[in-house]
Amino acid sequence: MKSLKEIYGLFYDDSGFNSGLIQWYNRLIDKSYETLDIIDVCKMFRQDILYDVALEKAIDLFLNDPYDGEYCDGGLLETLVSVDISTIKQDRIDKLKTMLEKVKKTFSFFDWEDEELKENYNKNMDEMLKKIHLCKGDQND
């Protein structure tokens, strides 16, 4: 497995600043796509680092566990709702849609910490499905 550094020709930040963000970035680029986790993906979005890689990995993580989150259950979906999905390949959009429709039928049975998280997740599912329909051009679904 090649590292992000090898694949994208990235370099370590050797600016001499020892911030947590720089330390994270230097660790990040040593990782392979397969070893990226939810924390990496969310930071990649926030820092606008390898956006396309973060988006693809976020989809993979969501398809594996739709309730995953960096800080709370369902946080990954909230992150996906906030990103531009227009660049996602059609087969990936179809998988996202299928997963969301499946989860929509069962999410109320998930062990939510509180009702607000559950309501927010439902709102995010609706928003993501709306974005998918608009992206696909099938607003009449």
N, C-alpha and C. Protein backbone atom coordinates (compact mmCIF):
# COMPACT_ATOMS: atom_id res chain seq x y z
N MET A 1 0.84 -1.18 0.00
CA MET A 1 0.00 0.00 0.00
C MET A 1 0.89 1.24 0.00
N LYS A 2 0.67 2.06 -0.99
CA LYS A 2 1.45 3.29 -1.08
C LYS A 2 0.85 4.36 -0.18
N SER A 3 1.72 5.20 0.32
CA SER A 3 1.27 6.30 1.17
C SER A 3 0.74 7.44 0.29
N LEU A 4 -0.04 8.32 0.90
CA LEU A 4 -0.52 9.50 0.20
C LEU A 4 0.66 10.32 -0.31
N LYS A 5 1.71 10.37 0.48
CA LYS A 5 2.93 11.09 0.11
C LYS A 5 3.49 10.56 -1.21
N GLU A 6 3.55 9.24 -1.33
CA GLU A 6 4.07 8.61 -2.55
C GLU A 6 3.13 8.81 -3.73
N ILE A 7 1.86 8.62 -3.52
CA ILE A 7 0.88 8.69 -4.61
C ILE A 7 0.78 10.10 -5.18
N TYR A 8 0.74 11.10 -4.31
CA TYR A 8 0.50 12.47 -4.75
C TYR A 8 1.74 13.36 -4.76
N GLY A 9 2.91 12.78 -4.48
CA GLY A 9 4.15 13.55 -4.51
C GLY A 9 4.18 14.66 -3.48
N LEU A 10 3.67 14.36 -2.29
CA LEU A 10 3.60 15.36 -1.21
C LEU A 10 4.91 15.39 -0.44
N PHE A 11 5.11 16.47 0.29
CA PHE A 11 6.31 16.64 1.10
C PHE A 11 5.92 16.98 2.53
N TYR A 12 6.76 16.59 3.46
CA TYR A 12 6.55 16.95 4.86
C TYR A 12 6.63 18.45 5.04
N ASP A 13 5.88 18.96 5.98
CA ASP A 13 6.00 20.37 6.36
C ASP A 13 7.18 20.46 7.29
N ASP A 14 8.23 21.08 6.81
CA ASP A 14 9.45 21.22 7.63
C ASP A 14 9.69 22.69 7.96
N SER A 15 8.60 23.41 8.16
CA SER A 15 8.69 24.84 8.43
C SER A 15 9.31 25.16 9.79
N GLY A 16 9.38 24.18 10.64
CA GLY A 16 9.93 24.41 11.98
C GLY A 16 8.85 24.70 13.01
N PHE A 17 7.65 25.00 12.54
CA PHE A 17 6.54 25.17 13.49
C PHE A 17 6.15 23.80 13.99
N ASN A 18 5.85 23.69 15.25
CA ASN A 18 5.55 22.39 15.83
C ASN A 18 4.08 22.33 16.26
N SER A 19 3.19 22.87 15.44
CA SER A 19 1.78 22.88 15.80
C SER A 19 1.18 21.49 15.66
N GLY A 20 0.08 21.28 16.32
CA GLY A 20 -0.63 20.01 16.23
C GLY A 20 -1.10 19.73 14.82
N LEU A 21 -1.50 20.76 14.12
CA LEU A 21 -1.96 20.60 12.74
C LEU A 21 -0.84 20.13 11.82
N ILE A 22 0.32 20.71 11.97
CA ILE A 22 1.47 20.30 11.16
C ILE A 22 1.87 18.86 11.50
N GLN A 23 1.86 18.52 12.78
CA GLN A 23 2.18 17.15 13.18
C GLN A 23 1.18 16.17 12.56
N TRP A 24 -0.11 16.54 12.61
CA TRP A 24 -1.14 15.68 12.01
C TRP A 24 -0.90 15.54 10.51
N TYR A 25 -0.64 16.65 9.82
CA TYR A 25 -0.42 16.60 8.37
C TYR A 25 0.76 15.68 8.03
N ASN A 26 1.85 15.80 8.76
CA ASN A 26 3.01 14.96 8.49
C ASN A 26 2.72 13.48 8.72
N ARG A 27 1.86 13.19 9.70
CA ARG A 27 1.43 11.80 9.91
C ARG A 27 0.46 11.36 8.81
N LEU A 28 -0.43 12.27 8.42
CA LEU A 28 -1.44 11.97 7.41
C LEU A 28 -0.80 11.51 6.11
N ILE A 29 0.18 12.24 5.63
CA ILE A 29 0.73 11.91 4.32
C ILE A 29 1.52 10.60 4.32
N ASP A 30 1.83 10.09 5.49
CA ASP A 30 2.46 8.77 5.58
C ASP A 30 1.44 7.63 5.52
N LYS A 31 0.16 7.96 5.64
CA LYS A 31 -0.89 6.94 5.63
C LYS A 31 -1.26 6.56 4.20
N SER A 32 -1.79 5.34 4.09
CA SER A 32 -2.37 4.91 2.82
C SER A 32 -3.86 5.24 2.85
N TYR A 33 -4.48 5.19 1.70
CA TYR A 33 -5.92 5.44 1.61
C TYR A 33 -6.68 4.52 2.57
N GLU A 34 -6.27 3.28 2.61
CA GLU A 34 -6.96 2.27 3.42
C GLU A 34 -6.89 2.57 4.91
N THR A 35 -5.86 3.26 5.36
CA THR A 35 -5.70 3.50 6.80
C THR A 35 -6.24 4.85 7.26
N LEU A 36 -6.79 5.64 6.34
CA LEU A 36 -7.41 6.91 6.75
C LEU A 36 -8.63 6.60 7.60
N ASP A 37 -8.82 7.39 8.65
CA ASP A 37 -9.97 7.18 9.53
C ASP A 37 -10.87 8.41 9.52
N ILE A 38 -11.94 8.35 10.27
CA ILE A 38 -12.94 9.42 10.31
C ILE A 38 -12.32 10.75 10.74
N ILE A 39 -11.41 10.72 11.68
CA ILE A 39 -10.78 11.96 12.15
C ILE A 39 -9.95 12.57 11.03
N ASP A 40 -9.19 11.73 10.32
CA ASP A 40 -8.40 12.23 9.19
C ASP A 40 -9.31 12.86 8.14
N VAL A 41 -10.36 12.16 7.78
CA VAL A 41 -11.26 12.63 6.72
C VAL A 41 -11.90 13.97 7.09
N CYS A 42 -12.39 14.08 8.30
CA CYS A 42 -13.03 15.33 8.72
C CYS A 42 -12.03 16.49 8.74
N LYS A 43 -10.81 16.23 9.21
CA LYS A 43 -9.78 17.28 9.20
C LYS A 43 -9.38 17.63 7.78
N MET A 44 -9.33 16.63 6.90
CA MET A 44 -8.98 16.89 5.50
C MET A 44 -10.00 17.85 4.88
N PHE A 45 -11.27 17.65 5.17
CA PHE A 45 -12.29 18.58 4.68
C PHE A 45 -12.11 19.97 5.27
N ARG A 46 -11.94 20.02 6.60
CA ARG A 46 -11.81 21.32 7.26
C ARG A 46 -10.59 22.10 6.78
N GLN A 47 -9.50 21.38 6.49
CA GLN A 47 -8.26 22.03 6.07
C GLN A 47 -8.11 22.11 4.54
N ASP A 48 -9.09 21.58 3.83
CA ASP A 48 -9.08 21.57 2.37
C ASP A 48 -7.80 20.90 1.84
N ILE A 49 -7.55 19.71 2.36
CA ILE A 49 -6.38 18.91 1.97
C ILE A 49 -6.88 17.66 1.27
N LEU A 50 -6.44 17.45 0.04
CA LEU A 50 -6.80 16.26 -0.75
C LEU A 50 -8.32 16.03 -0.71
N TYR A 51 -9.07 17.04 -1.10
CA TYR A 51 -10.53 17.03 -1.02
C TYR A 51 -11.13 15.79 -1.67
N ASP A 52 -10.69 15.45 -2.89
CA ASP A 52 -11.26 14.30 -3.60
C ASP A 52 -11.00 12.99 -2.86
N VAL A 53 -9.82 12.87 -2.28
CA VAL A 53 -9.49 11.67 -1.50
C VAL A 53 -10.38 11.61 -0.25
N ALA A 54 -10.54 12.75 0.42
CA ALA A 54 -11.38 12.80 1.62
C ALA A 54 -12.82 12.44 1.28
N LEU A 55 -13.32 12.93 0.16
CA LEU A 55 -14.70 12.64 -0.23
C LEU A 55 -14.90 11.16 -0.52
N GLU A 56 -13.99 10.58 -1.27
CA GLU A 56 -14.11 9.14 -1.56
C GLU A 56 -14.03 8.30 -0.29
N LYS A 57 -13.11 8.66 0.60
CA LYS A 57 -12.97 7.90 1.85
C LYS A 57 -14.19 8.10 2.74
N ALA A 58 -14.74 9.31 2.76
CA ALA A 58 -15.95 9.57 3.55
C ALA A 58 -17.10 8.69 3.08
N ILE A 59 -17.22 8.53 1.78
CA ILE A 59 -18.27 7.66 1.24
C ILE A 59 -18.02 6.23 1.67
N ASP A 60 -16.78 5.77 1.54
CA ASP A 60 -16.45 4.40 1.98
C ASP A 60 -16.79 4.20 3.46
N LEU A 61 -16.40 5.16 4.28
CA LEU A 61 -16.67 5.05 5.72
C LEU A 61 -18.17 5.05 6.00
N PHE A 62 -18.92 5.90 5.29
CA PHE A 62 -20.36 5.95 5.48
C PHE A 62 -21.01 4.64 5.05
N LEU A 63 -20.60 4.10 3.93
CA LEU A 63 -21.17 2.84 3.46
C LEU A 63 -20.86 1.70 4.43
N ASN A 64 -19.73 1.78 5.10
CA ASN A 64 -19.35 0.77 6.08
C ASN A 64 -20.09 0.94 7.41
N ASP A 65 -20.29 2.20 7.83
CA ASP A 65 -20.98 2.48 9.09
C ASP A 65 -21.67 3.84 8.99
N PRO A 66 -22.96 3.86 8.62
CA PRO A 66 -23.65 5.14 8.42
C PRO A 66 -23.85 5.96 9.69
N TYR A 67 -23.55 5.40 10.84
CA TYR A 67 -23.71 6.13 12.10
C TYR A 67 -22.39 6.67 12.65
N ASP A 68 -21.32 6.48 11.90
CA ASP A 68 -19.99 6.90 12.35
C ASP A 68 -19.94 8.42 12.48
N GLY A 69 -19.05 8.89 13.31
CA GLY A 69 -18.87 10.32 13.48
C GLY A 69 -17.59 10.62 14.23
N GLU A 70 -17.06 11.80 13.98
CA GLU A 70 -15.83 12.21 14.66
C GLU A 70 -16.12 12.54 16.11
N TYR A 71 -17.19 13.28 16.36
CA TYR A 71 -17.52 13.72 17.71
C TYR A 71 -18.77 13.08 18.28
N CYS A 72 -19.70 12.68 17.41
CA CYS A 72 -20.94 12.06 17.87
C CYS A 72 -21.49 11.17 16.78
N ASP A 73 -22.40 10.28 17.15
CA ASP A 73 -23.03 9.40 16.18
C ASP A 73 -23.67 10.23 15.08
N GLY A 74 -23.46 9.80 13.83
CA GLY A 74 -24.06 10.48 12.70
C GLY A 74 -23.28 11.66 12.18
N GLY A 75 -22.14 11.96 12.77
CA GLY A 75 -21.35 13.12 12.36
C GLY A 75 -20.82 13.02 10.95
N LEU A 76 -20.55 11.82 10.49
CA LEU A 76 -20.03 11.64 9.13
C LEU A 76 -21.08 12.08 8.10
N LEU A 77 -22.33 11.72 8.33
CA LEU A 77 -23.39 12.15 7.42
C LEU A 77 -23.48 13.67 7.39
N GLU A 78 -23.36 14.30 8.54
CA GLU A 78 -23.39 15.75 8.60
C GLU A 78 -22.25 16.35 7.78
N THR A 79 -21.09 15.72 7.81
CA THR A 79 -19.95 16.17 7.01
C THR A 79 -20.25 15.99 5.53
N LEU A 80 -20.81 14.84 5.16
CA LEU A 80 -21.12 14.59 3.75
C LEU A 80 -22.15 15.58 3.21
N VAL A 81 -23.12 15.96 4.03
CA VAL A 81 -24.13 16.92 3.60
C VAL A 81 -23.48 18.26 3.26
N SER A 82 -22.39 18.58 3.93
CA SER A 82 -21.77 19.90 3.76
C SER A 82 -20.81 19.97 2.57
N VAL A 83 -20.55 18.86 1.89
CA VAL A 83 -19.58 18.88 0.79
C VAL A 83 -20.29 18.85 -0.57
N ASP A 84 -19.55 19.24 -1.60
CA ASP A 84 -20.05 19.24 -2.97
C ASP A 84 -20.01 17.82 -3.52
N ILE A 85 -21.17 17.26 -3.81
CA ILE A 85 -21.21 15.87 -4.29
C ILE A 85 -21.25 15.78 -5.82
N SER A 86 -21.22 16.92 -6.49
CA SER A 86 -21.37 16.91 -7.94
C SER A 86 -20.24 16.18 -8.67
N THR A 87 -19.11 16.00 -8.01
CA THR A 87 -17.97 15.33 -8.66
C THR A 87 -17.94 13.83 -8.40
N ILE A 88 -18.90 13.33 -7.64
CA ILE A 88 -18.92 11.91 -7.31
C ILE A 88 -19.42 11.11 -8.52
N LYS A 89 -18.78 9.99 -8.77
CA LYS A 89 -19.19 9.12 -9.87
C LYS A 89 -20.59 8.57 -9.61
N GLN A 90 -21.33 8.34 -10.68
CA GLN A 90 -22.73 7.93 -10.59
C GLN A 90 -22.91 6.65 -9.77
N ASP A 91 -22.03 5.67 -9.94
CA ASP A 91 -22.19 4.42 -9.19
C ASP A 91 -22.05 4.65 -7.69
N ARG A 92 -21.20 5.60 -7.30
CA ARG A 92 -21.03 5.93 -5.88
C ARG A 92 -22.28 6.65 -5.35
N ILE A 93 -22.84 7.54 -6.17
CA ILE A 93 -24.07 8.23 -5.78
C ILE A 93 -25.19 7.22 -5.59
N ASP A 94 -25.27 6.25 -6.49
CA ASP A 94 -26.31 5.22 -6.39
C ASP A 94 -26.15 4.41 -5.10
N LYS A 95 -24.90 4.08 -4.74
CA LYS A 95 -24.66 3.34 -3.50
C LYS A 95 -25.04 4.18 -2.28
N LEU A 96 -24.70 5.46 -2.32
CA LEU A 96 -25.08 6.36 -1.21
C LEU A 96 -26.59 6.42 -1.07
N LYS A 97 -27.27 6.58 -2.19
CA LYS A 97 -28.73 6.66 -2.18
C LYS A 97 -29.34 5.38 -1.61
N THR A 98 -28.85 4.24 -2.07
CA THR A 98 -29.36 2.96 -1.59
C THR A 98 -29.16 2.83 -0.08
N MET A 99 -27.96 3.19 0.40
CA MET A 99 -27.67 3.10 1.83
C MET A 99 -28.58 4.04 2.62
N LEU A 100 -28.73 5.27 2.15
CA LEU A 100 -29.58 6.24 2.85
C LEU A 100 -31.03 5.76 2.92
N GLU A 101 -31.52 5.21 1.84
CA GLU A 101 -32.89 4.72 1.83
C GLU A 101 -33.06 3.55 2.80
N LYS A 102 -32.06 2.70 2.88
CA LYS A 102 -32.08 1.57 3.83
C LYS A 102 -32.05 2.08 5.27
N VAL A 103 -31.14 3.00 5.55
CA VAL A 103 -30.99 3.54 6.89
C VAL A 103 -32.23 4.33 7.30
N LYS A 104 -32.83 5.03 6.35
CA LYS A 104 -34.02 5.84 6.62
C LYS A 104 -35.12 4.97 7.24
N LYS A 105 -35.19 3.72 6.84
CA LYS A 105 -36.22 2.80 7.34
C LYS A 105 -35.93 2.28 8.74
N THR A 106 -34.66 2.34 9.16
CA THR A 106 -34.28 1.69 10.41
C THR A 106 -33.60 2.60 11.43
N PHE A 107 -33.29 3.85 11.06
CA PHE A 107 -32.47 4.69 11.94
C PHE A 107 -33.12 4.94 13.30
N SER A 108 -34.42 4.90 13.37
CA SER A 108 -35.09 5.18 14.65
C SER A 108 -34.82 4.08 15.69
N PHE A 109 -34.37 2.92 15.23
CA PHE A 109 -34.06 1.83 16.15
C PHE A 109 -32.63 1.88 16.68
N PHE A 110 -31.81 2.77 16.11
CA PHE A 110 -30.44 2.93 16.57
C PHE A 110 -30.45 3.50 17.98
N ASP A 111 -29.46 3.13 18.79
CA ASP A 111 -29.37 3.58 20.18
C ASP A 111 -28.78 4.99 20.23
N TRP A 112 -29.62 6.00 20.01
CA TRP A 112 -29.18 7.40 20.01
C TRP A 112 -28.94 7.89 21.42
N GLU A 113 -27.92 8.74 21.57
CA GLU A 113 -27.63 9.34 22.88
C GLU A 113 -28.78 10.21 23.35
N ASP A 114 -29.37 10.96 22.41
CA ASP A 114 -30.50 11.79 22.75
C ASP A 114 -31.36 12.05 21.51
N GLU A 115 -32.53 12.57 21.74
CA GLU A 115 -33.51 12.81 20.68
C GLU A 115 -33.02 13.84 19.66
N GLU A 116 -32.27 14.82 20.12
CA GLU A 116 -31.76 15.87 19.22
C GLU A 116 -30.82 15.29 18.16
N LEU A 117 -29.94 14.38 18.56
CA LEU A 117 -29.05 13.73 17.59
C LEU A 117 -29.86 12.95 16.55
N LYS A 118 -30.87 12.25 17.02
CA LYS A 118 -31.73 11.47 16.14
C LYS A 118 -32.44 12.38 15.14
N GLU A 119 -33.00 13.47 15.60
CA GLU A 119 -33.70 14.42 14.72
C GLU A 119 -32.73 15.05 13.73
N ASN A 120 -31.54 15.39 14.18
CA ASN A 120 -30.54 15.98 13.31
C ASN A 120 -30.12 14.99 12.23
N TYR A 121 -29.97 13.73 12.60
CA TYR A 121 -29.60 12.70 11.64
C TYR A 121 -30.68 12.56 10.57
N ASN A 122 -31.94 12.55 10.99
CA ASN A 122 -33.05 12.45 10.05
C ASN A 122 -33.04 13.64 9.09
N LYS A 123 -32.81 14.84 9.62
CA LYS A 123 -32.74 16.05 8.80
C LYS A 123 -31.59 15.93 7.80
N ASN A 124 -30.46 15.43 8.24
CA ASN A 124 -29.30 15.28 7.35
C ASN A 124 -29.55 14.22 6.28
N MET A 125 -30.24 13.15 6.63
CA MET A 125 -30.58 12.14 5.63
C MET A 125 -31.46 12.76 4.54
N ASP A 126 -32.48 13.50 4.97
CA ASP A 126 -33.37 14.16 4.00
C ASP A 126 -32.59 15.12 3.11
N GLU A 127 -31.70 15.89 3.71
CA GLU A 127 -30.90 16.85 2.95
C GLU A 127 -29.98 16.14 1.96
N MET A 128 -29.37 15.06 2.39
CA MET A 128 -28.46 14.33 1.49
C MET A 128 -29.24 13.69 0.35
N LEU A 129 -30.38 13.11 0.64
CA LEU A 129 -31.20 12.52 -0.42
C LEU A 129 -31.64 13.60 -1.41
N LYS A 130 -31.97 14.76 -0.91
CA LYS A 130 -32.36 15.88 -1.77
C LYS A 130 -31.19 16.26 -2.69
N LYS A 131 -29.99 16.36 -2.13
CA LYS A 131 -28.81 16.69 -2.92
C LYS A 131 -28.56 15.62 -3.99
N ILE A 132 -28.74 14.37 -3.62
CA ILE A 132 -28.54 13.27 -4.58
C ILE A 132 -29.55 13.37 -5.71
N HIS A 133 -30.79 13.60 -5.36
CA HIS A 133 -31.84 13.72 -6.39
C HIS A 133 -31.55 14.88 -7.32
N LEU A 134 -31.13 16.01 -6.77
CA LEU A 134 -30.80 17.17 -7.60
C LEU A 134 -29.59 16.89 -8.48
N CYS A 135 -28.62 16.22 -7.93
CA CYS A 135 -27.40 15.89 -8.67
C CYS A 135 -27.70 14.93 -9.82
N LYS A 136 -28.58 13.99 -9.55
CA LYS A 136 -28.95 12.99 -10.56
C LYS A 136 -29.99 13.53 -11.53
N GLY A 137 -30.67 14.61 -11.16
CA GLY A 137 -31.70 15.17 -12.01
C GLY A 137 -33.02 14.43 -11.93
N ASP A 138 -33.19 13.62 -10.86
CA ASP A 138 -34.44 12.88 -10.71
C ASP A 138 -35.23 13.41 -9.53
N GLN A 139 -35.60 14.65 -9.60
CA GLN A 139 -36.30 15.33 -8.51
C GLN A 139 -37.67 14.73 -8.23
N ASN A 140 -38.17 13.91 -9.12
CA ASN A 140 -39.52 13.36 -8.94
C ASN A 140 -39.52 12.03 -8.21
N ASP A 141 -38.37 11.58 -7.71
CA ASP A 141 -38.32 10.32 -6.94
C ASP A 141 -39.15 10.40 -5.69
